[in-house]
Protein backbone atom coordinates (compact mmCIF):
# COMPACT_ATOMS: atom_id res chain seq x y z
CA MET A 1 126.66 106.34 201.69
CA LYS A 2 124.89 108.48 199.12
CA VAL A 3 122.36 110.89 200.52
CA PRO A 4 119.55 111.83 198.13
CA LYS A 5 119.52 115.52 197.24
CA ASP A 6 115.73 115.78 197.19
CA ILE A 7 115.31 115.29 200.95
CA ILE A 8 113.81 118.37 202.54
CA VAL A 9 113.65 118.52 206.32
CA SER A 10 111.82 121.26 208.17
CA THR A 11 113.45 122.89 211.17
CA LYS A 12 110.79 121.40 213.46
CA ASP A 13 111.51 117.86 212.21
CA TYR A 14 115.25 118.41 212.48
CA VAL A 15 114.95 119.61 216.09
CA GLN A 16 112.78 116.58 216.98
CA ILE A 17 115.28 114.15 215.45
CA ILE A 18 118.27 115.73 217.17
CA THR A 19 116.41 115.86 220.50
CA LYS A 20 115.53 112.16 220.29
CA VAL A 21 119.05 111.17 219.29
CA ASN A 22 120.49 113.17 222.20
CA LEU A 23 117.98 111.58 224.57
CA PHE A 24 118.92 108.07 223.44
CA ILE A 25 122.62 108.90 223.68
CA SER A 26 122.13 110.13 227.25
CA ILE A 27 120.25 106.93 228.17
CA TYR A 28 122.20 104.25 226.26
CA GLY A 29 125.49 105.89 225.30
CA CYS A 30 127.05 106.72 221.94
CA GLU A 31 128.25 103.21 221.18
CA ALA A 32 124.82 101.60 221.63
CA VAL A 33 123.10 104.28 219.52
CA SER A 34 125.75 103.88 216.81
CA LYS A 35 125.27 100.10 216.77
CA PHE A 36 121.50 100.53 216.48
CA LEU A 37 121.86 102.98 213.61
CA ASN A 38 124.06 100.44 211.82
CA THR A 39 121.24 97.85 211.98
CA ILE A 40 118.69 100.13 210.31
CA PRO A 41 119.38 98.78 206.80
CA LEU A 42 118.51 95.29 208.03
CA HIS A 43 115.34 96.50 209.76
CA ARG A 44 114.26 98.37 206.64
CA SER A 45 115.15 95.64 204.13
CA LYS A 46 112.31 95.04 201.75
CA LYS A 47 111.64 92.19 199.41
CA ASN A 48 108.59 92.13 197.16
CA GLY A 49 107.36 95.29 198.87
CA ARG A 50 107.39 93.74 202.34
CA ASN A 51 109.52 94.68 205.34
CA ALA A 52 111.13 91.25 205.43
CA GLY A 53 114.09 92.27 207.60
CA ALA A 54 111.93 93.54 210.45
CA TYR A 55 109.63 90.52 210.13
CA ILE A 56 112.54 88.06 210.43
CA ILE A 57 113.93 89.89 213.47
CA ASN A 58 110.52 90.01 215.19
CA LYS A 59 109.75 86.33 214.57
CA ILE A 60 113.11 85.21 215.94
CA CYS A 61 112.65 87.41 219.01
CA GLN A 62 109.15 85.98 219.56
CA GLU A 63 110.35 82.40 219.12
CA TYR A 64 113.17 82.77 221.65
CA LYS A 65 111.31 85.28 223.89
CA ILE A 66 114.14 87.81 223.72
CA THR A 67 114.44 91.47 222.83
CA GLN A 68 116.16 92.91 219.80
CA TYR A 69 118.86 94.24 222.11
CA ASP A 70 119.51 90.70 223.35
CA LEU A 71 119.67 89.39 219.80
CA PHE A 72 122.24 91.90 218.58
CA GLU A 73 124.15 92.96 221.70
CA SER A 74 123.89 90.63 224.69
CA ASN A 75 126.71 88.24 225.59
CA GLU A 76 124.51 85.44 226.92
CA ARG A 77 125.19 82.00 225.57
CA LEU A 78 123.14 79.07 224.28
CA GLU A 79 119.69 80.51 223.58
CA LEU A 80 121.09 83.64 221.99
CA THR A 81 123.65 81.72 219.98
CA GLU A 82 120.88 79.64 218.44
CA ALA A 83 118.79 82.75 217.78
CA ARG A 84 121.73 84.50 216.12
CA GLN A 85 122.48 81.40 214.09
CA LEU A 86 118.91 81.25 212.80
CA MET A 87 119.01 84.98 212.13
CA CYS A 88 122.12 84.58 209.96
CA VAL A 89 120.71 81.62 208.04
CA LEU A 90 117.29 83.19 207.45
CA VAL A 91 118.62 86.61 206.43
CA GLU A 92 120.99 85.00 203.95
CA LYS A 93 118.26 82.76 202.55
CA HIS A 94 115.38 85.23 202.34
CA LEU A 95 117.08 88.61 201.90
CA GLY A 96 120.17 87.54 199.99
CA PHE A 97 122.62 89.44 202.20
CA ASN A 98 126.21 88.28 202.05
CA LYS A 99 128.01 86.98 205.11
CA THR A 100 130.05 90.16 205.63
CA GLN A 101 126.90 92.31 205.69
CA ILE A 102 125.23 89.98 208.19
CA SER A 103 128.29 90.00 210.47
CA MET A 104 128.30 93.79 210.41
CA TYR A 105 124.81 93.90 211.97
CA PHE A 106 126.06 91.91 214.95
CA ASN A 107 129.20 94.08 215.21
CA ARG A 108 131.34 90.96 214.99
CA SER A 109 134.21 89.88 212.79
CA ARG A 110 133.51 89.32 209.12
CA HIS A 111 133.70 85.56 209.68
CA PHE A 112 130.93 85.49 212.30
CA ALA A 113 128.08 84.79 209.87
CA LYS A 114 130.21 82.36 207.87
CA ARG A 115 130.83 80.27 211.01
CA MET A 116 127.19 80.41 212.08
CA ILE A 117 125.86 79.40 208.66
CA GLY A 118 128.51 76.69 208.29
CA LYS A 119 127.66 75.17 211.68
CA PHE A 120 123.97 75.20 210.83
CA SER A 121 124.63 73.45 207.51
CA LYS A 122 126.43 70.69 209.42
CA ILE A 123 123.50 70.41 211.82
CA LEU A 124 121.10 69.96 208.92
CA GLU A 125 123.34 67.33 207.30
CA GLU A 126 123.88 65.29 210.45
CA ASN A 127 120.23 65.49 211.59
CA HIS A 128 121.15 64.49 215.14
CA PRO A 129 118.25 63.89 217.59
CA LEU A 130 119.67 66.46 220.03
CA ASP A 131 119.35 69.14 217.35
CA LYS A 132 115.70 68.33 216.59
CA GLU A 133 114.36 71.35 218.50
CA LEU A 134 116.65 73.75 216.62
CA ILE A 135 115.73 72.22 213.26
CA ASP A 136 112.04 72.39 214.14
CA ARG A 137 112.38 76.06 215.06
CA TYR A 138 114.19 76.73 211.80
CA ASN A 139 111.52 74.95 209.76
CA LYS A 140 108.74 76.82 211.59
CA LEU A 141 110.37 80.24 211.07
CA ASP A 142 111.24 79.43 207.46
CA ARG A 143 107.62 78.51 206.70
CA LEU A 144 106.33 81.68 208.41
CA ILE A 145 108.71 83.93 206.48
CA THR A 146 108.00 82.17 203.18
CA ALA A 147 104.26 82.55 203.75
CA TYR A 148 104.70 86.21 204.69
CA MET A 149 106.68 86.90 201.54
CA ALA A 150 104.20 85.05 199.31
CA PHE A 151 101.03 86.52 200.84
CA LYS A 152 99.06 88.82 198.57
CA PRO A 153 95.83 90.47 199.73
CA LYS A 154 92.75 89.73 197.62
CA ASN A 155 92.59 93.27 196.27
CA GLN A 156 96.16 92.99 194.90
CA ALA A 157 95.82 89.51 193.38
């Protein structure tokens, strides 16, 4: 990773950052903090000047009533699998990330996102009545994200 040379950090800011990192490490452990730091590029992903990555994550968490920790780390089954599947599909569609990058955010094998996106493509093709709720959720989230990306305030139009 290239670090810009023009970043200037005061001693006070540096001490605050290190103190917070140490606090989080003491609470959650090194592995959890490292995993969170790896997801920062997704959280900060911008498209058309909007924080699309954070918006996608928040909308999926709201839809499934889960936390970001649950989405990326928890080992629970069905609800989280669907949420992760939608996350993979929406991030690929709206942010243009490749499957390897998406898998990295979940700390899974490089084929994780490929499997999730492939399964979802089959679901869309088959259009089975049992999958109606998942497809409806996908369509709802897709419309929300598309509207968010296309929205321009009156003063910028």
